């Protein structure tokens, strides 16, 4: 069969990707989110510990202490970190938790709560303190010079870490922790970029699913021989239509390009099997 000139259209269509397919192809694996959240949580916890132990006390001029006894239970049990800020004596009031030096010349300190404030004969303020877990008040009335400061904040269990890095080792620990946190943050950032750029493996088909259909090859096209008009007629066709291009006698192409049937071929001459005899000649 010969085809007319024009673009050959096939029934094969290509499905456009839907929004759900695009979301599935760009979806981040859950394990990536778990690792990222866990890493950032660990980093934030480490930064918070460093800030509580070193940064905030240094910025506010405070001092970090560790509760060693149970006199302030249950509010401040042993192992609690307390940060004490120097406070003028005239700003202290009953109910404040203060850290003080009970004996002059003894570096040990105690943290108790102010129960009341009294004045001596000279008009000097004195503080009566007591531990929350104690039944009696402290035997010594404190003067302002004995008070180291008022409680700024406390963190449970963090005091044990504070005890390990006290003294000269604190400065070394600050540089080590700060450097480690910086390196860890950089590693997390590089790892997240690298994971994003990794090629994603093809998704495994569901068990029992039919294999995808192979793509259909494009339909072949057949070149149409050129023709020439001779006397207003097309020699390739009959009087009504050209079989090469489908044009009529006037040379106008058909309105719609479609397949044109082949021209009818002459029927072959089949010799008759019947034996004929010559007609006798009558004189």
Foldseek 3Di string as FASTA:
>chain_A
DAFADDDDDDPDDDDDDDPVNVCVQLPDDPVLVVVLVVLVVVLVVLVVLLCVQPVVCVVQVWDKAFDQPQLQPDVRGGQKIWIFHADFPVPDAFQWWFKFDPDPPDPDIDIFGFHHWDADPVRFIWTWTGGPNDDDIDPDTHGRVGTPGTTDDMDHNSNVVSVVCPDPNVVVVSVVSVVVSVVSVVVSVVVSVVSSPDDDDDDDDDPPDDDDDDDDDDDDDDDQDDFDDDPLATPCDDQAAHQRHGDGSNRDGDPDTDHDDDDDDDDDDDDDPDDDDDDDDDD
